[in-house]
Amino acid sequence: CWSIISSNYKIILFGFYPQDILWRPVTAI
């Protein structure tokens, strides 16, 4: 069930960082 990754990758990769501004940690990485 790889759907667990495609459905929750934002939580898994970025934790509780506000999801509406995820471009900031992505840019930093």
PDB file of all heavy atoms in Angstrom:
ATOM      1  N   CYS A   1       0.855  -1.191   0.000  1.00  0.00           N
ATOM      2  CA  CYS A   1       0.000   0.000   0.000  1.00  0.00           C
ATOM      3  C   CYS A   1       0.893   1.243   0.000  1.00  0.00           C
ATOM      4  O   CYS A   1       1.128   1.856   1.046  1.00  0.00           O
ATOM      5  CB  CYS A   1      -0.925  -0.009   1.212  1.00  0.00           C
ATOM      6  SG  CYS A   1      -2.061   1.398   1.265  1.00  0.00           S
ATOM      7  N   TRP A   2       1.407   1.596  -1.179  1.00  0.00           N
ATOM      8  CA  TRP A   2       2.230   2.802  -1.279  1.00  0.00           C
ATOM      9  C   TRP A   2       1.381   4.063  -1.196  1.00  0.00           C
ATOM     10  O   TRP A   2       1.914   5.165  -1.200  1.00  0.00           O
ATOM     11  CB  TRP A   2       3.021   2.781  -2.586  1.00  0.00           C
ATOM     12  CG  TRP A   2       3.914   1.589  -2.726  1.00  0.00           C
ATOM     13  CD1 TRP A   2       3.815   0.586  -3.636  1.00  0.00           C
ATOM     14  CD2 TRP A   2       5.051   1.253  -1.900  1.00  0.00           C
ATOM     15  NE1 TRP A   2       4.806  -0.348  -3.439  1.00  0.00           N
ATOM     16  CE2 TRP A   2       5.580   0.043  -2.390  1.00  0.00           C
ATOM     17  CE3 TRP A   2       5.654   1.859  -0.801  1.00  0.00           C
ATOM     18  CZ2 TRP A   2       6.677  -0.581  -1.824  1.00  0.00           C
ATOM     19  CZ3 TRP A   2       6.761   1.247  -0.232  1.00  0.00           C
ATOM     20  CH2 TRP A   2       7.264   0.046  -0.738  1.00  0.00           C
ATOM     21  N   SER A   3       0.072   3.884  -1.116  1.00  0.00           N
ATOM     22  CA  SER A   3      -0.820   5.034  -0.940  1.00  0.00           C
ATOM     23  C   SER A   3      -0.560   5.738   0.381  1.00  0.00           C
ATOM     24  O   SER A   3      -0.850   6.934   0.516  1.00  0.00           O
ATOM     25  CB  SER A   3      -2.280   4.585  -1.004  1.00  0.00           C
ATOM     26  OG  SER A   3      -2.581   3.990  -2.242  1.00  0.00           O
ATOM     27  N   ILE A   4      -0.009   5.023   1.344  1.00  0.00           N
ATOM     28  CA  ILE A   4       0.305   5.660   2.621  1.00  0.00           C
ATOM     29  C   ILE A   4       1.356   6.746   2.434  1.00  0.00           C
ATOM     30  O   ILE A   4       1.369   7.748   3.150  1.00  0.00           O
ATOM     31  CB  ILE A   4       0.780   4.608   3.649  1.00  0.00           C
ATOM     32  CG1 ILE A   4       0.947   5.249   5.024  1.00  0.00           C
ATOM     33  CG2 ILE A   4       2.081   3.957   3.209  1.00  0.00           C
ATOM     34  CD1 ILE A   4       1.320   4.257   6.110  1.00  0.00           C
ATOM     35  N   ILE A   5       2.222   6.575   1.442  1.00  0.00           N
ATOM     36  CA  ILE A   5       3.247   7.583   1.159  1.00  0.00           C
ATOM     37  C   ILE A   5       2.657   8.723   0.341  1.00  0.00           C
ATOM     38  O   ILE A   5       2.840   9.902   0.668  1.00  0.00           O
ATOM     39  CB  ILE A   5       4.439   6.961   0.418  1.00  0.00           C
ATOM     40  CG1 ILE A   5       4.973   5.749   1.199  1.00  0.00           C
ATOM     41  CG2 ILE A   5       5.525   7.996   0.200  1.00  0.00           C
ATOM     42  CD1 ILE A   5       5.455   6.072   2.580  1.00  0.00           C
ATOM     43  N   SER A   6       1.939   8.391  -0.729  1.00  0.00           N
ATOM     44  CA  SER A   6       1.388   9.440  -1.593  1.00  0.00           C
ATOM     45  C   SER A   6       0.330  10.276  -0.887  1.00  0.00           C
ATOM     46  O   SER A   6       0.108  11.437  -1.244  1.00  0.00           O
ATOM     47  CB  SER A   6       0.783   8.805  -2.853  1.00  0.00           C
ATOM     48  OG  SER A   6      -0.211   7.852  -2.516  1.00  0.00           O
ATOM     49  N   SER A   7      -0.318   9.705   0.130  1.00  0.00           N
ATOM     50  CA  SER A   7      -1.348  10.448   0.855  1.00  0.00           C
ATOM     51  C   SER A   7      -0.793  11.254   2.022  1.00  0.00           C
ATOM     52  O   SER A   7      -1.412  12.242   2.450  1.00  0.00           O
ATOM     53  CB  SER A   7      -2.421   9.490   1.385  1.00  0.00           C
ATOM     54  OG  SER A   7      -3.052   8.791   0.348  1.00  0.00           O
ATOM     55  N   ASN A   8       0.363  10.851   2.538  1.00  0.00           N
ATOM     56  CA  ASN A   8       0.878  11.473   3.771  1.00  0.00           C
ATOM     57  C   ASN A   8       2.311  11.971   3.634  1.00  0.00           C
ATOM     58  O   ASN A   8       2.967  12.197   4.643  1.00  0.00           O
ATOM     59  CB  ASN A   8       0.806  10.464   4.923  1.00  0.00           C
ATOM     60  CG  ASN A   8      -0.583   9.942   5.180  1.00  0.00           C
ATOM     61  OD1 ASN A   8      -1.425  10.621   5.753  1.00  0.00           O
ATOM     62  ND2 ASN A   8      -0.849   8.716   4.737  1.00  0.00           N
ATOM     63  N   TYR A   9       2.796  12.151   2.427  1.00  0.00           N
ATOM     64  CA  TYR A   9       4.202  12.535   2.269  1.00  0.00           C
ATOM     65  C   TYR A   9       4.501  13.905   2.885  1.00  0.00           C
ATOM     66  O   TYR A   9       5.615  14.156   3.351  1.00  0.00           O
ATOM     67  CB  TYR A   9       4.599  12.513   0.792  1.00  0.00           C
ATOM     68  CG  TYR A   9       3.973  13.597  -0.052  1.00  0.00           C
ATOM     69  CD1 TYR A   9       4.633  14.808  -0.256  1.00  0.00           C
ATOM     70  CD2 TYR A   9       2.730  13.425  -0.643  1.00  0.00           C
ATOM     71  CE1 TYR A   9       4.065  15.808  -1.032  1.00  0.00           C
ATOM     72  CE2 TYR A   9       2.159  14.415  -1.418  1.00  0.00           C
ATOM     73  CZ  TYR A   9       2.830  15.611  -1.602  1.00  0.00           C
ATOM     74  OH  TYR A   9       2.269  16.602  -2.366  1.00  0.00           O
ATOM     75  N   LYS A  10       3.500  14.777   2.910  1.00  0.00           N
ATOM     76  CA  LYS A  10       3.741  16.101   3.505  1.00  0.00           C
ATOM     77  C   LYS A  10       3.979  15.986   5.013  1.00  0.00           C
ATOM     78  O   LYS A  10       4.865  16.648   5.558  1.00  0.00           O
ATOM     79  CB  LYS A  10       2.555  17.026   3.231  1.00  0.00           C
ATOM     80  CG  LYS A  10       2.396  17.400   1.764  1.00  0.00           C
ATOM     81  CD  LYS A  10       1.230  18.358   1.571  1.00  0.00           C
ATOM     82  CE  LYS A  10       1.064  18.725   0.103  1.00  0.00           C
ATOM     83  NZ  LYS A  10      -0.072  19.653  -0.107  1.00  0.00           N
ATOM     84  N   ILE A  11       3.194  15.140   5.683  1.00  0.00           N
ATOM     85  CA  ILE A  11       3.380  14.939   7.121  1.00  0.00           C
ATOM     86  C   ILE A  11       4.677  14.194   7.396  1.00  0.00           C
ATOM     87  O   ILE A  11       5.442  14.540   8.306  1.00  0.00           O
ATOM     88  CB  ILE A  11       2.186  14.169   7.712  1.00  0.00           C
ATOM     89  CG1 ILE A  11       0.895  14.982   7.575  1.00  0.00           C
ATOM     90  CG2 ILE A  11       2.443  13.824   9.177  1.00  0.00           C
ATOM     91  CD1 ILE A  11       0.914  16.273   8.369  1.00  0.00           C
ATOM     92  N   ILE A  12       4.948  13.153   6.603  1.00  0.00           N
ATOM     93  CA  ILE A  12       6.153  12.343   6.827  1.00  0.00           C
ATOM     94  C   ILE A  12       7.410  13.167   6.611  1.00  0.00           C
ATOM     95  O   ILE A  12       8.365  13.089   7.403  1.00  0.00           O
ATOM     96  CB  ILE A  12       6.139  11.108   5.899  1.00  0.00           C
ATOM     97  CG1 ILE A  12       4.988  10.173   6.277  1.00  0.00           C
ATOM     98  CG2 ILE A  12       7.468  10.372   5.969  1.00  0.00           C
ATOM     99  CD1 ILE A  12       4.834   8.991   5.340  1.00  0.00           C
ATOM    100  N   LEU A  13       7.443  13.965   5.548  1.00  0.00           N
ATOM    101  CA  LEU A  13       8.662  14.692   5.199  1.00  0.00           C
ATOM    102  C   LEU A  13       8.813  16.010   5.940  1.00  0.00           C
ATOM    103  O   LEU A  13       9.940  16.452   6.186  1.00  0.00           O
ATOM    104  CB  LEU A  13       8.698  14.950   3.696  1.00  0.00           C
ATOM    105  CG  LEU A  13       8.826  13.718   2.795  1.00  0.00           C
ATOM    106  CD1 LEU A  13       8.824  14.127   1.333  1.00  0.00           C
ATOM    107  CD2 LEU A  13      10.092  12.935   3.118  1.00  0.00           C
ATOM    108  N   PHE A  14       7.712  16.654   6.305  1.00  0.00           N
ATOM    109  CA  PHE A  14       7.802  17.999   6.875  1.00  0.00           C
ATOM    110  C   PHE A  14       7.126  18.141   8.233  1.00  0.00           C
ATOM    111  O   PHE A  14       7.105  19.241   8.788  1.00  0.00           O
ATOM    112  CB  PHE A  14       7.211  19.027   5.907  1.00  0.00           C
ATOM    113  CG  PHE A  14       7.862  19.019   4.553  1.00  0.00           C
ATOM    114  CD1 PHE A  14       7.218  18.461   3.470  1.00  0.00           C
ATOM    115  CD2 PHE A  14       9.133  19.529   4.385  1.00  0.00           C
ATOM    116  CE1 PHE A  14       7.818  18.428   2.219  1.00  0.00           C
ATOM    117  CE2 PHE A  14       9.746  19.516   3.136  1.00  0.00           C
ATOM    118  CZ  PHE A  14       9.095  18.953   2.056  1.00  0.00           C
ATOM    119  N   GLY A  15       6.587  17.087   8.771  1.00  0.00           N
ATOM    120  CA  GLY A  15       6.011  17.148  10.107  1.00  0.00           C
ATOM    121  C   GLY A  15       4.840  18.109  10.178  1.00  0.00           C
ATOM    122  O   GLY A  15       3.952  18.114   9.322  1.00  0.00           O
ATOM    123  N   PHE A  16       4.877  18.956  11.216  1.00  0.00           N
ATOM    124  CA  PHE A  16       3.775  19.885  11.449  1.00  0.00           C
ATOM    125  C   PHE A  16       4.068  21.284  10.901  1.00  0.00           C
ATOM    126  O   PHE A  16       3.433  22.256  11.304  1.00  0.00           O
ATOM    127  CB  PHE A  16       3.470  19.970  12.940  1.00  0.00           C
ATOM    128  CG  PHE A  16       3.067  18.641  13.525  1.00  0.00           C
ATOM    129  CD1 PHE A  16       3.928  17.955  14.366  1.00  0.00           C
ATOM    130  CD2 PHE A  16       1.855  18.066  13.210  1.00  0.00           C
ATOM    131  CE1 PHE A  16       3.575  16.735  14.894  1.00  0.00           C
ATOM    132  CE2 PHE A  16       1.485  16.843  13.729  1.00  0.00           C
ATOM    133  CZ  PHE A  16       2.344  16.169  14.574  1.00  0.00           C
ATOM    134  N   TYR A  17       5.031  21.370  10.004  1.00  0.00           N
ATOM    135  CA  TYR A  17       5.291  22.660   9.354  1.00  0.00           C
ATOM    136  C   TYR A  17       4.041  23.058   8.557  1.00  0.00           C
ATOM    137  O   TYR A  17       3.444  22.222   7.893  1.00  0.00           O
ATOM    138  CB  TYR A  17       6.490  22.535   8.416  1.00  0.00           C
ATOM    139  CG  TYR A  17       7.183  23.836   8.126  1.00  0.00           C
ATOM    140  CD1 TYR A  17       8.268  24.253   8.892  1.00  0.00           C
ATOM    141  CD2 TYR A  17       6.759  24.658   7.089  1.00  0.00           C
ATOM    142  CE1 TYR A  17       8.912  25.448   8.626  1.00  0.00           C
ATOM    143  CE2 TYR A  17       7.392  25.854   6.820  1.00  0.00           C
ATOM    144  CZ  TYR A  17       8.468  26.248   7.595  1.00  0.00           C
ATOM    145  OH  TYR A  17       9.115  27.445   7.339  1.00  0.00           O
ATOM    146  N   PRO A  18       3.611  24.329   8.650  1.00  0.00           N
ATOM    147  CA  PRO A  18       2.374  24.750   7.954  1.00  0.00           C
ATOM    148  C   PRO A  18       2.387  24.352   6.484  1.00  0.00           C
ATOM    149  O   PRO A  18       3.313  24.697   5.750  1.00  0.00           O
ATOM    150  CB  PRO A  18       2.381  26.275   8.126  1.00  0.00           C
ATOM    151  CG  PRO A  18       3.163  26.498   9.388  1.00  0.00           C
ATOM    152  CD  PRO A  18       4.214  25.436   9.415  1.00  0.00           C
ATOM    153  N   GLN A  19       1.367  23.632   6.069  1.00  0.00           N
ATOM    154  CA  GLN A  19       1.368  23.065   4.722  1.00  0.00           C
ATOM    155  C   GLN A  19       1.154  24.098   3.630  1.00  0.00           C
ATOM    156  O   GLN A  19       1.463  23.843   2.469  1.00  0.00           O
ATOM    157  CB  GLN A  19       0.301  21.968   4.628  1.00  0.00           C
ATOM    158  CG  GLN A  19       0.568  20.781   5.537  1.00  0.00           C
ATOM    159  CD  GLN A  19      -0.326  19.594   5.219  1.00  0.00           C
ATOM    160  OE1 GLN A  19      -1.083  19.607   4.249  1.00  0.00           O
ATOM    161  NE2 GLN A  19      -0.226  18.554   6.033  1.00  0.00           N
ATOM    162  N   ASP A  20       0.629  25.261   3.986  1.00  0.00           N
ATOM    163  CA  ASP A  20       0.422  26.269   2.960  1.00  0.00           C
ATOM    164  C   ASP A  20       1.702  27.014   2.598  1.00  0.00           C
ATOM    165  O   ASP A  20       1.720  27.777   1.619  1.00  0.00           O
ATOM    166  CB  ASP A  20      -0.654  27.263   3.411  1.00  0.00           C
ATOM    167  CG  ASP A  20      -0.290  27.932   4.733  1.00  0.00           C
ATOM    168  OD1 ASP A  20       0.435  27.306   5.538  1.00  0.00           O
ATOM    169  OD2 ASP A  20      -0.723  29.075   4.952  1.00  0.00           O
ATOM    170  N   ILE A  21       2.781  26.802   3.343  1.00  0.00           N
ATOM    171  CA  ILE A  21       4.060  27.472   3.035  1.00  0.00           C
ATOM    172  C   ILE A  21       5.184  26.432   2.940  1.00  0.00           C
ATOM    173  O   ILE A  21       6.327  26.714   3.298  1.00  0.00           O
ATOM    174  CB  ILE A  21       4.414  28.539   4.086  1.00  0.00           C
ATOM    175  CG1 ILE A  21       4.364  27.956   5.499  1.00  0.00           C
ATOM    176  CG2 ILE A  21       3.484  29.741   3.974  1.00  0.00           C
ATOM    177  CD1 ILE A  21       4.849  28.942   6.565  1.00  0.00           C
ATOM    178  N   LEU A  22       4.852  25.253   2.439  1.00  0.00           N
ATOM    179  CA  LEU A  22       5.873  24.208   2.315  1.00  0.00           C
ATOM    180  C   LEU A  22       6.932  24.542   1.275  1.00  0.00           C
ATOM    181  O   LEU A  22       7.981  23.890   1.239  1.00  0.00           O
ATOM    182  CB  LEU A  22       5.210  22.870   1.953  1.00  0.00           C
ATOM    183  CG  LEU A  22       4.443  22.165   3.073  1.00  0.00           C
ATOM    184  CD1 LEU A  22       3.891  20.840   2.571  1.00  0.00           C
ATOM    185  CD2 LEU A  22       5.342  21.933   4.282  1.00  0.00           C
ATOM    186  N   TRP A  23       6.691  25.557   0.454  1.00  0.00           N
ATOM    187  CA  TRP A  23       7.701  25.940  -0.518  1.00  0.00           C
ATOM    188  C   TRP A  23       8.970  26.430   0.168  1.00  0.00           C
ATOM    189  O   TRP A  23      10.066  26.317  -0.420  1.00  0.00           O
ATOM    190  CB  TRP A  23       7.148  27.036  -1.441  1.00  0.00           C
ATOM    191  CG  TRP A  23       6.873  28.344  -0.746  1.00  0.00           C
ATOM    192  CD1 TRP A  23       5.713  28.736  -0.181  1.00  0.00           C
ATOM    193  CD2 TRP A  23       7.807  29.424  -0.557  1.00  0.00           C
ATOM    194  NE1 TRP A  23       5.835  29.996   0.354  1.00  0.00           N
ATOM    195  CE2 TRP A  23       7.114  30.440   0.147  1.00  0.00           C
ATOM    196  CE3 TRP A  23       9.137  29.627  -0.899  1.00  0.00           C
ATOM    197  CZ2 TRP A  23       7.737  31.639   0.498  1.00  0.00           C
ATOM    198  CZ3 TRP A  23       9.755  30.816  -0.551  1.00  0.00           C
ATOM    199  CH2 TRP A  23       9.046  31.811   0.146  1.00  0.00           C
ATOM    200  N   ARG A  24       8.837  26.909   1.394  1.00  0.00           N
ATOM    201  CA  ARG A  24      10.018  27.413   2.094  1.00  0.00           C
ATOM    202  C   ARG A  24      10.962  26.288   2.510  1.00  0.00           C
ATOM    203  O   ARG A  24      12.164  26.337   2.197  1.00  0.00           O
ATOM    204  CB  ARG A  24       9.574  28.251   3.288  1.00  0.00           C
ATOM    205  CG  ARG A  24       9.019  29.612   2.859  1.00  0.00           C
ATOM    206  CD  ARG A  24       8.152  30.277   3.896  1.00  0.00           C
ATOM    207  NE  ARG A  24       8.772  30.370   5.201  1.00  0.00           N
ATOM    208  CZ  ARG A  24       8.211  30.963   6.258  1.00  0.00           C
ATOM    209  NH1 ARG A  24       6.988  31.503   6.134  1.00  0.00           N
ATOM    210  NH2 ARG A  24       8.821  31.033   7.412  1.00  0.00           N
ATOM    211  N   PRO A  25      10.498  25.232   3.199  1.00  0.00           N
ATOM    212  CA  PRO A  25      11.430  24.141   3.495  1.00  0.00           C
ATOM    213  C   PRO A  25      11.913  23.411   2.242  1.00  0.00           C
ATOM    214  O   PRO A  25      13.062  22.945   2.204  1.00  0.00           O
ATOM    215  CB  PRO A  25      10.618  23.215   4.407  1.00  0.00           C
ATOM    216  CG  PRO A  25       9.206  23.553   4.163  1.00  0.00           C
ATOM    217  CD  PRO A  25       9.194  25.014   3.843  1.00  0.00           C
ATOM    218  N   VAL A  26      11.063  23.315   1.223  1.00  0.00           N
ATOM    219  CA  VAL A  26      11.494  22.666  -0.017  1.00  0.00           C
ATOM    220  C   VAL A  26      12.636  23.454  -0.646  1.00  0.00           C
ATOM    221  O   VAL A  26      13.642  22.880  -1.099  1.00  0.00           O
ATOM    222  CB  VAL A  26      10.311  22.528  -0.996  1.00  0.00           C
ATOM    223  CG1 VAL A  26      10.803  22.085  -2.366  1.00  0.00           C
ATOM    224  CG2 VAL A  26       9.284  21.549  -0.456  1.00  0.00           C
ATOM    225  N   THR A  27      12.507  24.780  -0.665  1.00  0.00           N
ATOM    226  CA  THR A  27      13.577  25.624  -1.214  1.00  0.00           C
ATOM    227  C   THR A  27      14.853  25.480  -0.404  1.00  0.00           C
ATOM    228  O   THR A  27      15.960  25.393  -0.973  1.00  0.00           O
ATOM    229  CB  THR A  27      13.128  27.099  -1.228  1.00  0.00           C
ATOM    230  OG1 THR A  27      11.920  27.232  -1.961  1.00  0.00           O
ATOM    231  CG2 THR A  27      14.199  27.980  -1.848  1.00  0.00           C
ATOM    232  N   ALA A  28      14.724  25.432   0.917  1.00  0.00           N
ATOM    233  CA  ALA A  28      15.904  25.280   1.769  1.00  0.00           C
ATOM    234  C   ALA A  28      16.592  23.942   1.520  1.00  0.00           C
ATOM    235  O   ALA A  28      17.835  23.869   1.452  1.00  0.00           O
ATOM    236  CB  ALA A  28      15.506  25.407   3.241  1.00  0.00           C
ATOM    237  N   ILE A  29      15.821  22.877   1.354  1.00  0.00           N
ATOM    238  CA  ILE A  29      16.412  21.553   1.108  1.00  0.00           C
ATOM    239  C   ILE A  29      17.096  21.520  -0.252  1.00  0.00           C
ATOM    240  O   ILE A  29      18.188  20.958  -0.401  1.00  0.00           O
ATOM    241  CB  ILE A  29      15.327  20.466   1.214  1.00  0.00           C
ATOM    242  CG1 ILE A  29      14.850  20.352   2.664  1.00  0.00           C
ATOM    243  CG2 ILE A  29      15.854  19.121   0.723  1.00  0.00           C
ATOM    244  CD1 ILE A  29      13.667  19.417   2.840  1.00  0.00           C
TER     245      ILE A  29
END
